[in-house]
Every structure is written in structure tokens, then in C-alpha cells.
PDB file of all heavy atoms in Angstrom:
ATOM      1  N   THR A   1       0.878  -1.166   0.000  1.00  0.00           N
ATOM      2  CA  THR A   1       0.000   0.000   0.000  1.00  0.00           C
ATOM      3  C   THR A   1       0.915   1.215   0.000  1.00  0.00           C
ATOM      4  O   THR A   1       1.905   1.244   0.729  1.00  0.00           O
ATOM      5  CB  THR A   1      -0.906   0.003   1.243  1.00  0.00           C
ATOM      6  OG1 THR A   1      -1.662  -1.208   1.247  1.00  0.00           O
ATOM      7  CG2 THR A   1      -1.851   1.191   1.238  1.00  0.00           C
ATOM      8  N   GLU A   2       0.594   2.225  -0.817  1.00  0.00           N
ATOM      9  CA  GLU A   2       1.531   3.325  -1.021  1.00  0.00           C
ATOM     10  C   GLU A   2       0.839   4.682  -0.915  1.00  0.00           C
ATOM     11  O   GLU A   2      -0.254   4.864  -1.435  1.00  0.00           O
ATOM     12  CB  GLU A   2       2.162   3.153  -2.403  1.00  0.00           C
ATOM     13  CG  GLU A   2       3.266   4.094  -2.725  1.00  0.00           C
ATOM     14  CD  GLU A   2       3.928   3.725  -4.041  1.00  0.00           C
ATOM     15  OE1 GLU A   2       4.847   2.884  -4.035  1.00  0.00           O
ATOM     16  OE2 GLU A   2       3.505   4.277  -5.077  1.00  0.00           O
ATOM     17  N   MET A   3       1.500   5.601  -0.228  1.00  0.00           N
ATOM     18  CA  MET A   3       1.057   6.998  -0.160  1.00  0.00           C
ATOM     19  C   MET A   3       2.263   7.881  -0.469  1.00  0.00           C
ATOM     20  O   MET A   3       3.407   7.471  -0.276  1.00  0.00           O
ATOM     21  CB  MET A   3       0.497   7.315   1.228  1.00  0.00           C
ATOM     22  CG  MET A   3      -0.766   6.541   1.567  1.00  0.00           C
ATOM     23  SD  MET A   3      -1.376   6.902   3.242  1.00  0.00           S
ATOM     24  CE  MET A   3      -1.970   8.581   3.001  1.00  0.00           C
ATOM     25  N   LYS A   4       1.971   9.115  -0.920  1.00  0.00           N
ATOM     26  CA  LYS A   4       3.051  10.011  -1.336  1.00  0.00           C
ATOM     27  C   LYS A   4       2.908  11.409  -0.741  1.00  0.00           C
ATOM     28  O   LYS A   4       1.809  11.850  -0.430  1.00  0.00           O
ATOM     29  CB  LYS A   4       3.076  10.121  -2.862  1.00  0.00           C
ATOM     30  CG  LYS A   4       3.374   8.807  -3.542  1.00  0.00           C
ATOM     31  CD  LYS A   4       3.369   8.939  -5.039  1.00  0.00           C
ATOM     32  CE  LYS A   4       3.698   7.580  -5.653  1.00  0.00           C
ATOM     33  NZ  LYS A   4       3.816   7.645  -7.083  1.00  0.00           N
ATOM     34  N   ILE A   5       4.044  12.062  -0.642  1.00  0.00           N
ATOM     35  CA  ILE A   5       4.099  13.495  -0.330  1.00  0.00           C
ATOM     36  C   ILE A   5       4.523  14.177  -1.619  1.00  0.00           C
ATOM     37  O   ILE A   5       5.487  13.751  -2.272  1.00  0.00           O
ATOM     38  CB  ILE A   5       5.109  13.796   0.793  1.00  0.00           C
ATOM     39  CG1 ILE A   5       4.673  13.114   2.094  1.00  0.00           C
ATOM     40  CG2 ILE A   5       5.253  15.308   0.985  1.00  0.00           C
ATOM     41  CD1 ILE A   5       5.701  13.202   3.209  1.00  0.00           C
ATOM     42  N   GLU A   6       3.770  15.207  -1.988  1.00  0.00           N
ATOM     43  CA  GLU A   6       4.049  15.917  -3.233  1.00  0.00           C
ATOM     44  C   GLU A   6       4.424  17.364  -2.952  1.00  0.00           C
ATOM     45  O   GLU A   6       4.030  17.935  -1.938  1.00  0.00           O
ATOM     46  CB  GLU A   6       2.830  15.864  -4.149  1.00  0.00           C
ATOM     47  CG  GLU A   6       2.459  14.445  -4.544  1.00  0.00           C
ATOM     48  CD  GLU A   6       1.172  14.356  -5.317  1.00  0.00           C
ATOM     49  OE1 GLU A   6       0.249  15.156  -5.053  1.00  0.00           O
ATOM     50  OE2 GLU A   6       1.085  13.471  -6.177  1.00  0.00           O
ATOM     51  N   GLY A   7       5.175  17.941  -3.867  1.00  0.00           N
ATOM     52  CA  GLY A   7       5.569  19.342  -3.755  1.00  0.00           C
ATOM     53  C   GLY A   7       5.441  20.034  -5.098  1.00  0.00           C
ATOM     54  O   GLY A   7       5.563  19.400  -6.147  1.00  0.00           O
ATOM     55  N   TRP A   8       5.176  21.332  -5.049  1.00  0.00           N
ATOM     56  CA  TRP A   8       5.052  22.118  -6.270  1.00  0.00           C
ATOM     57  C   TRP A   8       5.220  23.596  -5.923  1.00  0.00           C
ATOM     58  O   TRP A   8       5.187  23.995  -4.775  1.00  0.00           O
ATOM     59  CB  TRP A   8       3.722  21.850  -6.972  1.00  0.00           C
ATOM     60  CG  TRP A   8       2.503  22.306  -6.217  1.00  0.00           C
ATOM     61  CD1 TRP A   8       1.818  23.471  -6.376  1.00  0.00           C
ATOM     62  CD2 TRP A   8       1.828  21.611  -5.151  1.00  0.00           C
ATOM     63  NE1 TRP A   8       0.762  23.537  -5.502  1.00  0.00           N
ATOM     64  CE2 TRP A   8       0.745  22.415  -4.731  1.00  0.00           C
ATOM     65  CE3 TRP A   8       2.034  20.393  -4.506  1.00  0.00           C
ATOM     66  CZ2 TRP A   8      -0.113  22.043  -3.700  1.00  0.00           C
ATOM     67  CZ3 TRP A   8       1.172  20.028  -3.489  1.00  0.00           C
ATOM     68  CH2 TRP A   8       0.113  20.844  -3.101  1.00  0.00           C
ATOM     69  N   ASN A   9       5.379  24.412  -6.949  1.00  0.00           N
ATOM     70  CA  ASN A   9       5.562  25.852  -6.764  1.00  0.00           C
ATOM     71  C   ASN A   9       4.427  26.678  -7.355  1.00  0.00           C
ATOM     72  O   ASN A   9       4.072  27.713  -6.825  1.00  0.00           O
ATOM     73  CB  ASN A   9       6.898  26.304  -7.370  1.00  0.00           C
ATOM     74  CG  ASN A   9       8.059  25.781  -6.578  1.00  0.00           C
ATOM     75  OD1 ASN A   9       8.115  25.943  -5.379  1.00  0.00           O
ATOM     76  ND2 ASN A   9       8.979  25.111  -7.245  1.00  0.00           N
ATOM     77  N   ASP A  10       3.843  26.218  -8.451  1.00  0.00           N
ATOM     78  CA  ASP A  10       2.782  26.950  -9.144  1.00  0.00           C
ATOM     79  C   ASP A  10       1.435  26.396  -8.685  1.00  0.00           C
ATOM     80  O   ASP A  10       1.043  25.295  -9.078  1.00  0.00           O
ATOM     81  CB  ASP A  10       2.945  26.787 -10.647  1.00  0.00           C
ATOM     82  CG  ASP A  10       1.831  27.441 -11.443  1.00  0.00           C
ATOM     83  OD1 ASP A  10       0.975  28.124 -10.834  1.00  0.00           O
ATOM     84  OD2 ASP A  10       1.801  27.257 -12.666  1.00  0.00           O
ATOM     85  N   ASP A  11       0.700  27.141  -7.866  1.00  0.00           N
ATOM     86  CA  ASP A  11      -0.535  26.642  -7.268  1.00  0.00           C
ATOM     87  C   ASP A  11      -1.729  26.671  -8.227  1.00  0.00           C
ATOM     88  O   ASP A  11      -2.792  26.200  -7.892  1.00  0.00           O
ATOM     89  CB  ASP A  11      -0.871  27.435  -6.001  1.00  0.00           C
ATOM     90  CG  ASP A  11      -1.809  26.677  -5.082  1.00  0.00           C
ATOM     91  OD1 ASP A  11      -1.755  25.431  -5.080  1.00  0.00           O
ATOM     92  OD2 ASP A  11      -2.602  27.322  -4.380  1.00  0.00           O
ATOM     93  N   GLU A  12      -1.543  27.196  -9.426  1.00  0.00           N
ATOM     94  CA  GLU A  12      -2.660  27.260 -10.364  1.00  0.00           C
ATOM     95  C   GLU A  12      -2.616  26.142 -11.402  1.00  0.00           C
ATOM     96  O   GLU A  12      -3.608  25.466 -11.630  1.00  0.00           O
ATOM     97  CB  GLU A  12      -2.688  28.628 -11.051  1.00  0.00           C
ATOM     98  CG  GLU A  12      -3.040  29.744 -10.072  1.00  0.00           C
ATOM     99  CD  GLU A  12      -3.094  31.106 -10.744  1.00  0.00           C
ATOM    100  OE1 GLU A  12      -3.310  31.153 -11.966  1.00  0.00           O
ATOM    101  OE2 GLU A  12      -2.929  32.101 -10.032  1.00  0.00           O
ATOM    102  N   GLU A  13      -1.475  25.932 -12.006  1.00  0.00           N
ATOM    103  CA  GLU A  13      -1.362  24.944 -13.085  1.00  0.00           C
ATOM    104  C   GLU A  13      -0.811  23.602 -12.603  1.00  0.00           C
ATOM    105  O   GLU A  13      -1.024  22.585 -13.254  1.00  0.00           O
ATOM    106  CB  GLU A  13      -0.455  25.480 -14.198  1.00  0.00           C
ATOM    107  CG  GLU A  13      -0.931  26.777 -14.816  1.00  0.00           C
ATOM    108  CD  GLU A  13      -2.276  26.635 -15.512  1.00  0.00           C
ATOM    109  OE1 GLU A  13      -2.538  25.576 -16.122  1.00  0.00           O
ATOM    110  OE2 GLU A  13      -3.075  27.585 -15.447  1.00  0.00           O
ATOM    111  N   LEU A  14      -0.127  23.587 -11.502  1.00  0.00           N
ATOM    112  CA  LEU A  14       0.517  22.380 -10.958  1.00  0.00           C
ATOM    113  C   LEU A  14       1.437  21.708 -11.980  1.00  0.00           C
ATOM    114  O   LEU A  14       1.633  20.494 -11.962  1.00  0.00           O
ATOM    115  CB  LEU A  14      -0.525  21.379 -10.458  1.00  0.00           C
ATOM    116  CG  LEU A  14      -1.444  21.846  -9.330  1.00  0.00           C
ATOM    117  CD1 LEU A  14      -2.456  20.766  -8.991  1.00  0.00           C
ATOM    118  CD2 LEU A  14      -0.651  22.224  -8.093  1.00  0.00           C
ATOM    119  N   GLU A  15       2.016  22.497 -12.865  1.00  0.00           N
ATOM    120  CA  GLU A  15       2.884  21.950 -13.903  1.00  0.00           C
ATOM    121  C   GLU A  15       4.160  21.338 -13.342  1.00  0.00           C
ATOM    122  O   GLU A  15       4.744  20.458 -13.958  1.00  0.00           O
ATOM    123  CB  GLU A  15       3.235  23.032 -14.922  1.00  0.00           C
ATOM    124  CG  GLU A  15       2.051  23.454 -15.764  1.00  0.00           C
ATOM    125  CD  GLU A  15       2.392  24.568 -16.726  1.00  0.00           C
ATOM    126  OE1 GLU A  15       3.544  25.026 -16.759  1.00  0.00           O
ATOM    127  OE2 GLU A  15       1.480  24.990 -17.454  1.00  0.00           O
ATOM    128  N   ASP A  16       4.596  21.800 -12.189  1.00  0.00           N
ATOM    129  CA  ASP A  16       5.848  21.308 -11.624  1.00  0.00           C
ATOM    130  C   ASP A  16       5.627  20.361 -10.442  1.00  0.00           C
ATOM    131  O   ASP A  16       6.512  20.153  -9.631  1.00  0.00           O
ATOM    132  CB  ASP A  16       6.744  22.472 -11.214  1.00  0.00           C
ATOM    133  CG  ASP A  16       6.114  23.357 -10.152  1.00  0.00           C
ATOM    134  OD1 ASP A  16       4.886  23.294  -9.957  1.00  0.00           O
ATOM    135  OD2 ASP A  16       6.862  24.112  -9.496  1.00  0.00           O
ATOM    136  N   LEU A  17       4.456  19.756 -10.377  1.00  0.00           N
ATOM    137  CA  LEU A  17       4.126  18.814  -9.311  1.00  0.00           C
ATOM    138  C   LEU A  17       5.103  17.638  -9.343  1.00  0.00           C
ATOM    139  O   LEU A  17       5.316  17.037 -10.386  1.00  0.00           O
ATOM    140  CB  LEU A  17       2.697  18.304  -9.482  1.00  0.00           C
ATOM    141  CG  LEU A  17       2.184  17.325  -8.434  1.00  0.00           C
ATOM    142  CD1 LEU A  17       1.982  18.042  -7.103  1.00  0.00           C
ATOM    143  CD2 LEU A  17       0.878  16.705  -8.889  1.00  0.00           C
ATOM    144  N   GLU A  18       5.714  17.351  -8.188  1.00  0.00           N
ATOM    145  CA  GLU A  18       6.679  16.261  -8.099  1.00  0.00           C
ATOM    146  C   GLU A  18       6.396  15.409  -6.876  1.00  0.00           C
ATOM    147  O   GLU A  18       5.961  15.918  -5.842  1.00  0.00           O
ATOM    148  CB  GLU A  18       8.099  16.804  -7.931  1.00  0.00           C
ATOM    149  CG  GLU A  18       8.625  17.595  -9.078  1.00  0.00           C
ATOM    150  CD  GLU A  18      10.060  18.026  -8.841  1.00  0.00           C
ATOM    151  OE1 GLU A  18      10.967  17.251  -9.197  1.00  0.00           O
ATOM    152  OE2 GLU A  18      10.260  19.122  -8.299  1.00  0.00           O
ATOM    153  N   THR A  19       6.697  14.131  -6.980  1.00  0.00           N
ATOM    154  CA  THR A  19       6.655  13.268  -5.812  1.00  0.00           C
ATOM    155  C   THR A  19       7.948  13.485  -5.038  1.00  0.00           C
ATOM    156  O   THR A  19       9.038  13.338  -5.590  1.00  0.00           O
ATOM    157  CB  THR A  19       6.519  11.785  -6.219  1.00  0.00           C
ATOM    158  OG1 THR A  19       5.286  11.617  -6.914  1.00  0.00           O
ATOM    159  CG2 THR A  19       6.555  10.882  -5.001  1.00  0.00           C
ATOM    160  N   LEU A  20       7.802  13.856  -3.775  1.00  0.00           N
ATOM    161  CA  LEU A  20       8.973  14.117  -2.932  1.00  0.00           C
ATOM    162  C   LEU A  20       9.352  12.899  -2.110  1.00  0.00           C
ATOM    163  O   LEU A  20      10.530  12.584  -1.949  1.00  0.00           O
ATOM    164  CB  LEU A  20       8.689  15.299  -1.999  1.00  0.00           C
ATOM    165  CG  LEU A  20       8.208  16.595  -2.662  1.00  0.00           C
ATOM    166  CD1 LEU A  20       7.993  17.666  -1.606  1.00  0.00           C
ATOM    167  CD2 LEU A  20       9.186  17.062  -3.727  1.00  0.00           C
ATOM    168  N   VAL A  21       8.333  12.233  -1.565  1.00  0.00           N
ATOM    169  CA  VAL A  21       8.552  11.074  -0.702  1.00  0.00           C
ATOM    170  C   VAL A  21       7.472  10.039  -1.004  1.00  0.00           C
ATOM    171  O   VAL A  21       6.312  10.391  -1.192  1.00  0.00           O
ATOM    172  CB  VAL A  21       8.476  11.454   0.799  1.00  0.00           C
ATOM    173  CG1 VAL A  21       8.691  10.252   1.691  1.00  0.00           C
ATOM    174  CG2 VAL A  21       9.472  12.560   1.139  1.00  0.00           C
ATOM    175  N   THR A  22       7.859   8.785  -1.040  1.00  0.00           N
ATOM    176  CA  THR A  22       6.918   7.680  -1.168  1.00  0.00           C
ATOM    177  C   THR A  22       7.013   6.843   0.099  1.00  0.00           C
ATOM    178  O   THR A  22       8.114   6.493   0.525  1.00  0.00           O
ATOM    179  CB  THR A  22       7.253   6.804  -2.395  1.00  0.00           C
ATOM    180  OG1 THR A  22       7.246   7.626  -3.563  1.00  0.00           O
ATOM    181  CG2 THR A  22       6.261   5.678  -2.557  1.00  0.00           C
ATOM    182  N   VAL A  23       5.859   6.555   0.704  1.00  0.00           N
ATOM    183  CA  VAL A  23       5.816   5.714   1.900  1.00  0.00           C
ATOM    184  C   VAL A  23       5.037   4.452   1.535  1.00  0.00           C
ATOM    185  O   VAL A  23       3.917   4.528   1.042  1.00  0.00           O
ATOM    186  CB  VAL A  23       5.154   6.439   3.091  1.00  0.00           C
ATOM    187  CG1 VAL A  23       5.125   5.539   4.317  1.00  0.00           C
ATOM    188  CG2 VAL A  23       5.888   7.743   3.405  1.00  0.00           C
ATOM    189  N   GLN A  24       5.664   3.305   1.765  1.00  0.00           N
ATOM    190  CA  GLN A  24       5.038   2.033   1.437  1.00  0.00           C
ATOM    191  C   GLN A  24       4.832   1.204   2.700  1.00  0.00           C
ATOM    192  O   GLN A  24       5.727   1.137   3.548  1.00  0.00           O
ATOM    193  CB  GLN A  24       5.919   1.223   0.481  1.00  0.00           C
ATOM    194  CG  GLN A  24       6.139   1.889  -0.851  1.00  0.00           C
ATOM    195  CD  GLN A  24       7.076   1.095  -1.726  1.00  0.00           C
ATOM    196  OE1 GLN A  24       7.940   0.362  -1.255  1.00  0.00           O
ATOM    197  NE2 GLN A  24       6.912   1.238  -3.041  1.00  0.00           N
ATOM    198  N   ALA A  25       3.671   0.582   2.801  1.00  0.00           N
ATOM    199  CA  ALA A  25       3.404  -0.394   3.854  1.00  0.00           C
ATOM    200  C   ALA A  25       3.348  -1.753   3.184  1.00  0.00           C
ATOM    201  O   ALA A  25       2.556  -1.973   2.264  1.00  0.00           O
ATOM    202  CB  ALA A  25       2.091  -0.089   4.560  1.00  0.00           C
ATOM    203  N   ILE A  26       4.210  -2.653   3.620  1.00  0.00           N
ATOM    204  CA  ILE A  26       4.282  -3.997   3.053  1.00  0.00           C
ATOM    205  C   ILE A  26       3.711  -4.956   4.082  1.00  0.00           C
ATOM    206  O   ILE A  26       4.263  -5.107   5.176  1.00  0.00           O
ATOM    207  CB  ILE A  26       5.736  -4.356   2.688  1.00  0.00           C
ATOM    208  CG1 ILE A  26       6.281  -3.315   1.704  1.00  0.00           C
ATOM    209  CG2 ILE A  26       5.810  -5.764   2.124  1.00  0.00           C
ATOM    210  CD1 ILE A  26       7.774  -3.371   1.494  1.00  0.00           C
ATOM    211  N   GLN A  27       2.596  -5.567   3.727  1.00  0.00           N
ATOM    212  CA  GLN A  27       1.877  -6.432   4.656  1.00  0.00           C
ATOM    213  C   GLN A  27       2.391  -7.864   4.539  1.00  0.00           C
ATOM    214  O   GLN A  27       2.199  -8.531   3.529  1.00  0.00           O
ATOM    215  CB  GLN A  27       0.386  -6.383   4.353  1.00  0.00           C
ATOM    216  CG  GLN A  27      -0.459  -7.062   5.389  1.00  0.00           C
ATOM    217  CD  GLN A  27      -1.939  -6.862   5.113  1.00  0.00           C
ATOM    218  OE1 GLN A  27      -2.322  -6.298   4.094  1.00  0.00           O
ATOM    219  NE2 GLN A  27      -2.767  -7.315   6.016  1.00  0.00           N
TER     220      GLN A  27
END
């Protein structure tokens, strides 16, 4: 199961949206 933290600079277009951290739970 996976969740992410995302970061960006342009709050209107989200053109620079990037995954910063991925957290995985392995059952």
C-alpha cells in the first residue's frame, strides 16, 4: 500500500508537481 508526499511551486497549473517522498506499507 503506497502513499506520497508531493511538492510544487505553481498553485494554479501544478505543472511542476513532483513526488517528494513515497511511503510504502508492506503487509
